Protein backbone atom coordinates (compact mmCIF):
# COMPACT_ATOMS: atom_id res chain seq x y z
CA MET A 1 -13.57 60.96 -54.28
CA SER A 2 -9.77 60.64 -54.25
CA ILE A 3 -6.59 59.80 -56.04
CA PRO A 4 -4.57 56.81 -55.13
CA THR A 5 -1.03 57.08 -54.13
CA GLU A 6 1.55 53.79 -53.69
CA PRO A 7 5.23 53.65 -53.52
CA ILE A 8 7.29 51.45 -55.36
CA GLY A 9 8.87 49.36 -53.01
CA SER A 10 12.35 49.48 -52.03
CA ILE A 11 13.96 52.18 -49.51
CA PRO A 12 17.65 52.88 -48.97
CA ARG A 13 18.75 50.45 -46.05
CA PRO A 14 20.58 52.25 -43.05
CA SER A 15 24.19 52.60 -43.51
CA GLY A 16 25.02 50.20 -40.85
CA LEU A 17 23.10 47.70 -42.48
CA ILE A 18 24.69 48.22 -45.79
CA ALA A 19 28.00 47.82 -44.36
CA ALA A 20 27.26 44.38 -42.37
CA ILE A 21 25.63 43.19 -45.50
CA THR A 22 28.76 44.33 -47.98
CA GLY A 23 31.04 42.99 -45.48
CA GLN A 24 32.51 46.59 -45.04
CA ALA A 25 31.83 45.76 -41.30
CA TYR A 26 31.38 43.08 -39.19
CA SER A 27 27.96 42.03 -37.39
CA ALA A 28 27.63 39.44 -35.00
CA ASP A 29 23.40 40.27 -35.22
CA LEU A 30 22.66 40.97 -38.74
CA ASN A 31 19.17 39.81 -37.97
CA GLY A 32 19.02 42.55 -35.26
CA LEU A 33 19.97 45.18 -38.12
CA TYR A 34 17.25 43.53 -40.01
CA ASP A 35 14.62 44.13 -38.05
CA LYS A 36 15.58 47.42 -36.57
CA ALA A 37 15.49 48.53 -40.49
CA ILE A 38 11.84 47.01 -41.25
CA ASN A 39 10.37 48.45 -38.03
CA ASP A 40 12.36 51.79 -38.70
CA THR A 41 10.90 51.82 -42.27
CA LEU A 42 7.41 51.14 -41.46
CA ARG A 43 7.08 53.95 -38.98
CA GLU A 44 8.84 56.44 -41.23
CA PHE A 45 6.61 55.40 -44.00
CA GLU A 46 3.65 55.79 -41.61
CA LYS A 47 4.58 59.69 -40.86
CA THR A 48 4.54 60.40 -44.71
CA GLY A 49 0.75 59.79 -44.27
CA SER A 50 1.09 57.32 -47.09
CA PRO A 51 -2.06 55.25 -47.59
CA VAL A 52 -0.10 52.26 -48.65
CA ILE A 53 3.36 51.18 -47.26
CA THR A 54 6.12 48.61 -47.95
CA ASP A 55 8.49 47.01 -45.81
CA GLY A 56 11.32 49.00 -48.01
CA GLU A 57 12.82 45.61 -48.87
CA GLN A 58 15.09 46.13 -46.15
CA THR A 59 15.95 42.32 -46.19
CA LYS A 60 16.19 41.14 -49.75
CA SER A 61 19.52 41.17 -51.40
CA SER A 62 17.40 43.22 -54.65
CA PHE A 63 14.22 43.39 -55.93
CA ALA A 64 15.20 40.67 -58.70
CA THR A 65 17.08 38.02 -56.99
CA TYR A 66 15.12 37.52 -53.94
CA PRO A 67 13.69 34.01 -55.15
CA LEU A 68 17.35 32.76 -55.58
CA GLU A 69 18.88 33.19 -52.27
CA GLY A 70 19.87 30.03 -50.82
CA LEU A 71 20.10 28.14 -54.27
CA THR A 72 22.93 25.64 -55.05
CA ASN A 73 22.38 25.16 -58.63
CA LEU A 74 23.78 28.46 -59.58
CA SER A 75 26.73 29.78 -61.65
CA ALA A 76 27.78 33.14 -61.90
CA GLU A 77 28.05 33.33 -65.51
CA GLY A 78 24.75 34.89 -66.42
CA MET A 79 23.58 37.94 -68.59
CA LYS A 80 25.18 41.35 -67.88
CA ILE A 81 22.78 44.62 -67.86
CA GLU A 82 24.73 47.41 -68.67
CA PHE A 83 24.02 50.99 -67.10
CA ALA A 84 24.61 54.60 -68.52
CA ASP A 85 27.31 55.39 -65.92
CA GLY A 86 29.42 52.11 -67.10
CA HIS A 87 28.48 50.27 -64.02
CA SER A 88 26.79 46.68 -64.37
CA ARG A 89 24.44 44.17 -62.86
CA GLN A 90 24.53 40.26 -63.43
CA LEU A 91 22.41 37.60 -63.03
CA PRO A 92 23.27 34.09 -62.38
CA LEU A 93 22.75 31.03 -64.88
CA LEU A 94 20.70 27.91 -63.83
CA THR A 95 23.20 24.93 -63.70
CA ALA A 96 20.70 22.03 -63.44
CA GLY A 97 16.94 21.23 -62.39
CA PRO A 98 14.13 21.57 -61.14
CA PHE A 99 14.07 25.08 -60.78
CA LYS A 100 12.20 26.12 -57.55
CA TYR A 101 12.43 29.48 -55.87
CA GLY A 102 14.59 29.50 -52.45
CA ASN A 103 12.48 31.70 -50.99
CA TYR A 104 9.13 33.64 -51.59
CA ALA A 105 7.98 37.11 -51.32
CA VAL A 106 5.36 36.40 -48.59
CA LYS A 107 7.64 36.02 -45.87
CA TYR A 108 8.47 39.74 -46.07
CA LEU A 109 4.80 40.69 -46.26
CA ALA A 110 3.85 38.56 -43.31
CA ALA A 111 7.04 40.12 -41.10
CA ALA A 112 5.52 43.82 -42.20
CA GLN A 113 2.36 43.17 -41.64
CA LYS A 114 2.76 42.09 -37.90
CA LEU A 115 4.86 45.58 -37.58
CA THR A 116 1.76 47.97 -38.85
CA LYS A 117 -1.74 48.45 -39.16
CA LEU A 118 -1.54 50.12 -42.63
CA PRO A 119 -2.51 47.99 -45.88
CA VAL A 120 0.84 46.71 -47.37
CA LYS A 121 1.92 46.09 -50.74
CA GLN A 122 4.21 43.60 -51.76
CA ALA A 123 6.59 43.80 -54.78
CA VAL A 124 7.55 40.41 -56.65
CA ILE A 125 9.77 39.79 -59.33
CA SER A 126 8.61 39.01 -63.05
CA ALA A 127 9.00 35.41 -64.81
CA SER A 128 10.25 37.16 -67.76
CA ALA A 129 13.24 38.44 -65.80
CA LEU A 130 13.81 35.02 -64.22
CA SER A 131 13.87 33.19 -67.46
CA LEU A 132 17.31 34.70 -68.38
CA ILE A 133 18.65 32.54 -66.08
CA TYR A 134 18.07 29.46 -68.22
CA PRO A 135 21.17 29.03 -70.32
CA SER A 136 21.23 29.40 -74.09
CA ASN A 137 23.10 26.06 -74.55
CA GLY A 138 20.45 24.18 -72.34
CA ILE A 139 21.10 21.86 -69.46
CA PRO A 140 21.40 18.12 -69.68
CA GLY A 141 18.29 16.38 -68.83
CA TYR A 142 16.47 19.67 -68.14
CA THR A 143 14.76 21.12 -71.34
CA GLN A 144 13.83 24.93 -71.35
CA ALA A 145 10.25 23.85 -71.64
CA GLU A 146 10.33 21.91 -68.47
CA PHE A 147 12.01 25.44 -66.91
CA MET A 148 9.40 27.35 -68.00
CA THR A 149 7.04 25.21 -66.78
CA ASP A 150 8.47 25.16 -63.13
CA LEU A 151 8.90 29.13 -63.48
CA LEU A 152 5.73 29.71 -64.53
CA ASN A 153 4.54 27.62 -61.21
CA GLU A 154 6.74 29.36 -58.88
CA CYS A 155 5.77 32.89 -60.12
CA GLU A 156 2.49 31.92 -59.70
CA LYS A 157 2.78 30.34 -55.95
CA ASP A 158 4.99 33.70 -54.97
CA ILE A 159 2.10 35.98 -56.28
CA ARG A 160 -0.81 33.98 -54.75
CA GLN A 161 0.70 33.56 -51.47
CA CYS A 162 0.69 37.13 -50.82
CA LEU A 163 -2.52 37.55 -52.18
CA GLN A 164 -3.62 34.99 -49.20
CA GLN A 165 -1.50 36.80 -46.90
CA GLY A 166 -3.95 39.86 -47.65
CA ALA A 167 -1.40 42.08 -49.46
CA TYR A 168 -3.47 45.31 -50.54
CA LYS A 169 -1.38 44.76 -53.93
CA VAL A 170 0.81 42.42 -55.53
CA GLN A 171 3.47 44.60 -58.19
CA MET A 172 5.49 42.62 -60.58
CA ASP A 173 8.57 44.46 -61.14
CA PHE A 174 9.29 44.45 -65.19
CA THR A 175 12.06 46.60 -65.82
CA GLU A 176 13.65 44.10 -67.90
CA GLY A 177 10.24 45.46 -70.18
CA ARG A 178 11.93 48.60 -71.40
CA LEU A 179 15.64 46.96 -71.92
CA SER A 180 14.27 44.25 -73.99
CA LEU A 181 13.71 47.07 -76.79
CA LYS A 182 17.44 47.87 -76.52
CA LEU A 183 18.55 44.37 -76.67
CA ASP A 184 15.75 43.79 -79.69
CA PRO A 185 14.46 46.55 -81.38
CA SER A 186 12.46 44.43 -83.64
CA GLY A 187 10.32 43.78 -80.70
CA GLY A 188 10.30 40.29 -80.41
CA VAL A 189 12.01 39.67 -76.89
CA LEU A 190 9.14 42.24 -75.48
CA LYS A 191 6.53 40.30 -77.17
CA ALA A 192 7.90 37.05 -75.84
CA PHE A 193 8.13 38.57 -72.31
CA VAL A 194 4.78 40.04 -71.80
CA ASP A 195 3.32 36.15 -73.42
CA ILE A 196 5.41 34.82 -70.51
CA ASN A 197 4.11 37.34 -67.78
CA ASN A 198 0.38 36.88 -69.09
CA GLN A 199 0.56 33.09 -68.86
CA VAL A 200 1.09 33.87 -65.14
CA PHE A 201 -1.46 36.63 -64.90
CA ASN A 202 -3.74 34.54 -66.83
CA ARG A 203 -3.92 31.85 -63.71
CA PHE A 204 -5.67 34.40 -61.50
CA THR A 205 -9.49 35.43 -61.53
CA THR A 206 -10.53 38.98 -63.26
CA GLU A 207 -11.20 40.21 -59.57
CA GLU A 208 -7.61 38.90 -58.02
CA GLN A 209 -6.22 40.56 -61.50
CA GLN A 210 -7.52 44.08 -60.33
CA LYS A 211 -5.13 43.48 -57.41
CA LEU A 212 -2.40 42.86 -59.39
CA GLY A 213 0.03 45.51 -61.04
CA VAL A 214 2.87 45.85 -63.02
CA HIS A 215 5.98 48.17 -62.43
CA VAL A 216 8.08 49.83 -65.53
CA CYS A 217 11.20 52.37 -65.31
CA PRO A 218 14.15 52.22 -67.81
CA GLY A 219 16.33 50.89 -64.38
CA GLY A 220 17.26 53.21 -61.50
CA ASP A 221 20.56 52.03 -59.48
CA HIS A 222 23.56 54.11 -58.43
CA ASP A 223 21.52 57.48 -59.86
CA SER A 224 21.66 55.41 -63.36
CA THR A 225 19.48 54.05 -66.13
CA HIS A 226 19.78 51.01 -68.25
CA SER A 227 17.41 51.80 -71.08
CA ALA A 228 16.15 55.71 -71.02
CA ASP A 229 17.06 55.94 -74.57
CA ILE A 230 14.29 53.94 -75.37
CA ASP A 231 11.22 55.68 -76.58
CA TYR A 232 7.96 54.56 -74.43
CA ALA A 233 5.98 54.89 -77.78
CA ASP A 234 7.66 51.58 -78.53
CA PHE A 235 6.90 50.14 -75.21
CA LEU A 236 3.47 51.16 -73.46
CA PRO A 237 1.56 49.55 -76.43
CA GLN A 238 2.33 46.35 -75.69
CA LEU A 239 2.79 46.91 -71.99
CA PHE A 240 -1.03 47.39 -71.57
CA GLU A 241 -1.50 44.22 -73.28
CA LEU A 242 -0.44 42.65 -69.44
CA ASN A 243 -3.56 41.44 -67.98
CA VAL A 244 -3.73 43.08 -64.42
CA GLY A 245 -5.20 46.06 -63.19
CA SER A 246 -2.45 48.73 -62.25
CA PHE A 247 0.46 49.97 -63.93
CA TYR A 248 3.01 51.95 -62.36
CA LEU A 249 5.05 53.81 -64.69
CA GLN A 250 7.89 56.12 -64.69
CA LEU A 251 7.36 59.71 -65.90
CA ALA A 252 8.51 62.40 -63.80
CA SER A 253 12.00 61.98 -65.49
CA GLU A 254 11.19 61.80 -68.99
CA PRO A 255 11.53 64.83 -71.07
CA ASP A 256 8.55 65.04 -72.89
CA ARG A 257 5.63 63.90 -70.23
CA VAL A 258 2.71 64.90 -72.36
CA LYS A 259 3.76 62.75 -75.26
CA VAL A 260 4.02 59.88 -72.99
CA LEU A 261 0.64 60.94 -71.39
CA LYS A 262 -1.11 60.97 -74.89
CA ILE A 263 0.14 57.10 -75.37
CA ILE A 264 -1.28 56.06 -72.49
CA ARG A 265 -4.51 57.90 -72.87
CA GLN A 266 -4.51 55.75 -76.27
CA HIS A 267 -3.68 52.22 -74.93
CA LEU A 268 -5.18 52.11 -71.43
CA LYS A 269 -7.99 49.85 -71.14
CA PRO A 270 -11.40 50.68 -69.23
CA ASN A 271 -10.21 48.15 -66.18
CA GLN A 272 -6.72 49.75 -65.83
CA THR A 273 -5.05 52.39 -63.28
CA ALA A 274 -2.39 54.07 -64.54
CA PHE A 275 -0.08 55.29 -61.54
CA ILE A 276 1.88 58.51 -62.89
CA GLY A 277 5.52 58.62 -61.53
CA VAL A 278 5.84 62.04 -60.20
CA ILE A 279 9.10 61.70 -58.19
CA ASP A 280 11.80 61.51 -59.79
CA VAL A 281 14.38 59.26 -57.78
CA LEU A 282 17.51 59.74 -59.50
CA ASN A 283 17.43 63.21 -58.35
CA PRO A 284 18.83 64.23 -55.22
CA ASP A 285 16.98 67.79 -55.45
CA ILE A 286 13.33 66.91 -53.28
CA GLU A 287 10.02 68.13 -55.03
CA THR A 288 8.00 70.52 -53.23
CA SER A 289 4.19 69.17 -53.00
CA GLU A 290 3.43 72.18 -55.46
CA ILE A 291 5.78 70.44 -58.28
CA VAL A 292 4.36 66.91 -57.44
CA ARG A 293 0.55 68.88 -57.87
CA ASP A 294 1.29 70.43 -61.14
CA ARG A 295 2.19 66.95 -62.35
CA VAL A 296 -0.53 65.40 -61.48
CA LEU A 297 -2.88 68.22 -62.98
CA GLU A 298 -0.52 67.75 -66.32
CA ALA A 299 -1.58 63.99 -66.03
CA ALA A 300 -5.21 64.32 -65.36
CA ALA A 301 -5.61 66.67 -68.33
CA TYR A 302 -5.01 63.41 -70.82
CA ILE A 303 -5.98 60.51 -68.51
CA PRO A 304 -9.40 59.57 -66.94
CA LEU A 305 -9.76 60.62 -62.92
CA ASN A 306 -11.02 57.48 -62.27
CA GLN A 307 -8.03 55.78 -64.29
CA LEU A 308 -5.47 58.02 -62.45
CA GLY A 309 -2.91 57.40 -59.71
CA THR A 310 0.68 58.60 -58.61
CA THR A 311 3.42 56.83 -57.57
CA ASP A 312 7.31 57.24 -57.35
CA ASP A 313 9.46 57.18 -60.84
CA CYS A 314 11.21 53.70 -59.05
CA GLY A 315 11.96 52.20 -56.02
CA PHE A 316 14.70 53.95 -54.42
CA SER A 317 17.67 51.89 -53.68
CA PRO A 318 16.52 48.42 -55.58
CA PHE A 319 19.76 46.54 -54.82
CA CYS A 320 21.07 46.42 -51.39
CA ASP A 321 24.40 48.27 -51.56
CA ASP A 322 23.35 51.08 -53.42
CA VAL A 323 23.85 54.43 -51.61
CA SER A 324 23.48 57.24 -53.93
CA THR A 325 19.94 58.33 -52.31
CA THR A 326 19.58 58.93 -48.34
CA ARG A 327 16.54 57.36 -46.21
CA GLU A 328 16.10 61.04 -45.07
CA THR A 329 15.78 62.00 -48.76
CA ALA A 330 13.41 59.15 -50.17
CA PHE A 331 10.97 59.52 -47.64
CA ALA A 332 10.83 63.82 -48.04
CA LYS A 333 10.30 62.52 -51.69
CA ILE A 334 7.52 60.01 -50.58
CA LYS A 335 5.99 62.93 -48.52
CA ALA A 336 5.69 65.39 -51.61
CA ARG A 337 3.93 62.60 -53.40
CA ILE A 338 1.34 62.12 -50.59
CA GLU A 339 0.84 66.04 -50.01
CA GLY A 340 1.04 67.00 -53.79
CA THR A 341 -1.50 64.38 -54.58
CA LYS A 342 -3.64 65.63 -52.29
CA LEU A 343 -3.29 69.53 -53.32
CA ALA A 344 -4.42 68.28 -56.71
CA GLU A 345 -7.44 66.46 -55.53
CA GLU A 346 -8.48 69.60 -53.94
CA LYS A 347 -8.35 71.58 -57.12
CA LEU A 348 -9.58 68.45 -59.44
CA TYR A 349 -12.69 67.93 -57.30
CA SER A 350 -13.56 71.54 -55.87
């Protein structure tokens, strides 16, 4: 028996690639920089001993906006997400229908699979996040109901293509879940988000749902968060209503982990696995394998071993211009997660 351990997704891009993407330096061969970054990321992942890897999202503009790349029916005046340190990220607005993805995640998955023999998981953005690009005053000739039909179809297609391509797991990023309670403390928006995403998940069989997961965190960008002040107690009961097999939960950076673990134990369903965050991606200090071991043992006191996994609190650089963490630090932290999880296994199964 063993405790499964998986990464979330993003790895900091090489500095040369970031400079080329952001226009700080000219590169005549951006595709060459992308290819080198993917290859290097996969090699470094393999060195950590990780049983499951990702491409590090090296060629995504961001975890949230990749489906919008290349679309011409968008404007820049969308919802602004404010982070605790004062910076913000802004979603675009849809200006005309119909809505179709400009880009699907299977492209990243297939490229990575050609370069490694290890299982590759693929992250996709949630339907609930993309639902926010429809303008509140509507679009002439294209109703919100028509948009939602198109959105759900596209999100299903995004996931299904990855499953058909042989993804080890398809993880929906749902970082707006916790944020929704900041926008609407009554929980109405959260319930609507859960319903939207379940409308996608319910299109998959029970067996397929076991290969699907959801990642949640309080946001992680430039070493800051957008909703860490929202109590998990108000969020987790609704989260476990999502019809997927795996939940990737930020926990290492929580001030009261035991409180959260008790809530997880109360609401986790028999067919669900809780992947507990044992690495604080916003803290530059690299955890030791012993620190990780102790965090796993702490979680094992509350969560059944057959429903327990480990992960990182978040992706390390969800947006392509994030330089707050180095690649070396990210991989060192991942290695600590792998080794610490093994140490906990030895203690728990001895």
